[in-house]
């Protein structure tokens, strides 16, 4: 047996319509027909989490169109202890110590 509650937003606009089950798994790209199939699969424990049409995350029908070489690494972070030491040395040099 299933119960349903309507909610305003599940933050999956690109993959809508979708539903969330038990405040956990989300099932996306739903139609009337695949929702009926999904409910049967949930009942017998064979439901596939995610897109019900084989979509790769939120990728459109053209496939990947950006970040073709992967996600770029973050910029390097500055060592703040080293920076503090450098500033202290500059201050001492300016003060003539």
C-alpha atoms as a PDB file:
ATOM      1  CA  UNK A   1       0.000   0.000   0.000  1.00  0.00           C
ATOM      2  CA  UNK A   2       1.233   3.491  -0.827  1.00  0.00           C
ATOM      3  CA  UNK A   3       0.299   6.936   0.367  1.00  0.00           C
ATOM      4  CA  UNK A   4       1.142  10.183  -1.431  1.00  0.00           C
ATOM      5  CA  UNK A   5       1.770  13.742  -0.313  1.00  0.00           C
ATOM      6  CA  UNK A   6       2.218  16.647  -2.705  1.00  0.00           C
ATOM      7  CA  UNK A   7       5.169  18.911  -1.979  1.00  0.00           C
ATOM      8  CA  UNK A   8       6.258  22.183  -3.563  1.00  0.00           C
ATOM      9  CA  UNK A   9       9.910  21.587  -4.465  1.00  0.00           C
ATOM     10  CA  UNK A  10      12.360  18.708  -4.538  1.00  0.00           C
ATOM     11  CA  UNK A  11      15.062  20.694  -6.391  1.00  0.00           C
ATOM     12  CA  UNK A  12      15.089  18.558  -9.533  1.00  0.00           C
ATOM     13  CA  UNK A  13      13.505  20.842 -12.127  1.00  0.00           C
ATOM     14  CA  UNK A  14      15.682  19.538 -14.950  1.00  0.00           C
ATOM     15  CA  UNK A  15      14.576  15.961 -14.250  1.00  0.00           C
ATOM     16  CA  UNK A  16      10.892  16.621 -13.542  1.00  0.00           C
ATOM     17  CA  UNK A  17       8.418  15.195 -13.082  1.00  0.00           C
ATOM     18  CA  UNK A  18       9.847  13.249 -10.195  1.00  0.00           C
ATOM     19  CA  UNK A  19       8.983  11.824  -6.794  1.00  0.00           C
ATOM     20  CA  UNK A  20      10.789  11.057  -3.576  1.00  0.00           C
ATOM     21  CA  UNK A  21      10.085   7.920  -1.583  1.00  0.00           C
ATOM     22  CA  UNK A  22      10.461   7.736   2.204  1.00  0.00           C
ATOM     23  CA  UNK A  23      12.290  11.108   2.329  1.00  0.00           C
ATOM     24  CA  UNK A  24      15.247   9.389   0.676  1.00  0.00           C
ATOM     25  CA  UNK A  25      15.462   8.048  -2.866  1.00  0.00           C
ATOM     26  CA  UNK A  26      14.315  10.141  -5.818  1.00  0.00           C
ATOM     27  CA  UNK A  27      12.824   8.811  -9.039  1.00  0.00           C
ATOM     28  CA  UNK A  28      12.998  11.210 -11.984  1.00  0.00           C
ATOM     29  CA  UNK A  29      11.789  11.658 -15.581  1.00  0.00           C
ATOM     30  CA  UNK A  30       8.407  10.171 -14.770  1.00  0.00           C
ATOM     31  CA  UNK A  31       5.488   9.685 -17.115  1.00  0.00           C
ATOM     32  CA  UNK A  32       2.143   8.088 -16.429  1.00  0.00           C
ATOM     33  CA  UNK A  33       3.326   4.723 -17.800  1.00  0.00           C
ATOM     34  CA  UNK A  34       6.719   4.539 -16.118  1.00  0.00           C
ATOM     35  CA  UNK A  35       5.206   5.731 -12.818  1.00  0.00           C
ATOM     36  CA  UNK A  36       2.861   2.731 -12.848  1.00  0.00           C
ATOM     37  CA  UNK A  37       5.876   0.487 -13.604  1.00  0.00           C
ATOM     38  CA  UNK A  38       7.853   2.200 -10.824  1.00  0.00           C
ATOM     39  CA  UNK A  39       5.101   1.654  -8.252  1.00  0.00           C
ATOM     40  CA  UNK A  40       5.034  -2.054  -9.158  1.00  0.00           C
ATOM     41  CA  UNK A  41       8.836  -2.204  -8.887  1.00  0.00           C
ATOM     42  CA  UNK A  42       8.719  -0.460  -5.491  1.00  0.00           C
ATOM     43  CA  UNK A  43       6.188  -3.010  -4.343  1.00  0.00           C
ATOM     44  CA  UNK A  44       8.414  -5.953  -5.272  1.00  0.00           C
ATOM     45  CA  UNK A  45      11.712  -4.294  -4.267  1.00  0.00           C
ATOM     46  CA  UNK A  46      13.272  -3.904  -7.726  1.00  0.00           C
ATOM     47  CA  UNK A  47      12.905  -0.145  -8.262  1.00  0.00           C
ATOM     48  CA  UNK A  48      15.756   1.653 -10.032  1.00  0.00           C
ATOM     49  CA  UNK A  49      16.710   4.888  -8.226  1.00  0.00           C
ATOM     50  CA  UNK A  50      17.172   8.021 -10.331  1.00  0.00           C
ATOM     51  CA  UNK A  51      16.153   8.643 -13.909  1.00  0.00           C
ATOM     52  CA  UNK A  52      13.501   6.298 -15.233  1.00  0.00           C
ATOM     53  CA  UNK A  53      14.516   6.972 -18.857  1.00  0.00           C
ATOM     54  CA  UNK A  54      18.267   6.366 -18.551  1.00  0.00           C
ATOM     55  CA  UNK A  55      19.324  10.010 -18.347  1.00  0.00           C
ATOM     56  CA  UNK A  56      22.817  10.657 -16.949  1.00  0.00           C
ATOM     57  CA  UNK A  57      22.073  12.929 -13.977  1.00  0.00           C
ATOM     58  CA  UNK A  58      20.637  16.179 -15.438  1.00  0.00           C
ATOM     59  CA  UNK A  59      22.332  15.811 -18.825  1.00  0.00           C
ATOM     60  CA  UNK A  60      20.164  16.951 -21.734  1.00  0.00           C
ATOM     61  CA  UNK A  61      19.400  15.105 -24.970  1.00  0.00           C
ATOM     62  CA  UNK A  62      22.541  16.540 -26.613  1.00  0.00           C
ATOM     63  CA  UNK A  63      24.693  14.890 -23.952  1.00  0.00           C
ATOM     64  CA  UNK A  64      27.420  16.790 -22.156  1.00  0.00           C
ATOM     65  CA  UNK A  65      27.867  20.301 -23.560  1.00  0.00           C
ATOM     66  CA  UNK A  66      30.237  21.821 -21.010  1.00  0.00           C
ATOM     67  CA  UNK A  67      33.097  20.728 -18.763  1.00  0.00           C
ATOM     68  CA  UNK A  68      34.104  18.329 -21.548  1.00  0.00           C
ATOM     69  CA  UNK A  69      37.493  17.723 -19.907  1.00  0.00           C
ATOM     70  CA  UNK A  70      36.094  17.246 -16.433  1.00  0.00           C
ATOM     71  CA  UNK A  71      35.744  19.672 -13.580  1.00  0.00           C
ATOM     72  CA  UNK A  72      38.759  22.003 -13.258  1.00  0.00           C
ATOM     73  CA  UNK A  73      40.720  21.787 -10.010  1.00  0.00           C
ATOM     74  CA  UNK A  74      40.165  24.497  -7.413  1.00  0.00           C
ATOM     75  CA  UNK A  75      42.709  27.323  -7.332  1.00  0.00           C
ATOM     76  CA  UNK A  76      45.618  26.817  -4.944  1.00  0.00           C
ATOM     77  CA  UNK A  77      45.102  28.023  -1.382  1.00  0.00           C
ATOM     78  CA  UNK A  78      47.606  30.272   0.303  1.00  0.00           C
ATOM     79  CA  UNK A  79      49.415  29.030   3.411  1.00  0.00           C
ATOM     80  CA  UNK A  80      48.332  31.694   5.903  1.00  0.00           C
ATOM     81  CA  UNK A  81      51.069  30.843   8.420  1.00  0.00           C
ATOM     82  CA  UNK A  82      53.659  31.388   5.672  1.00  0.00           C
ATOM     83  CA  UNK A  83      51.954  34.645   4.649  1.00  0.00           C
ATOM     84  CA  UNK A  84      51.996  35.880   8.253  1.00  0.00           C
ATOM     85  CA  UNK A  85      55.708  35.080   8.492  1.00  0.00           C
ATOM     86  CA  UNK A  86      56.446  36.897   5.205  1.00  0.00           C
ATOM     87  CA  UNK A  87      54.515  39.979   6.342  1.00  0.00           C
ATOM     88  CA  UNK A  88      56.329  39.975   9.674  1.00  0.00           C
ATOM     89  CA  UNK A  89      59.692  39.776   7.867  1.00  0.00           C
ATOM     90  CA  UNK A  90      58.691  42.665   5.569  1.00  0.00           C
ATOM     91  CA  UNK A  91      57.651  44.735   8.578  1.00  0.00           C
ATOM     92  CA  UNK A  92      60.924  44.027  10.398  1.00  0.00           C
ATOM     93  CA  UNK A  93      62.899  44.917   7.262  1.00  0.00           C
ATOM     94  CA  UNK A  94      60.962  48.185   6.870  1.00  0.00           C
ATOM     95  CA  UNK A  95      61.509  49.010  10.555  1.00  0.00           C
ATOM     96  CA  UNK A  96      65.256  48.355  10.105  1.00  0.00           C
ATOM     97  CA  UNK A  97      65.495  45.377  12.439  1.00  0.00           C
END
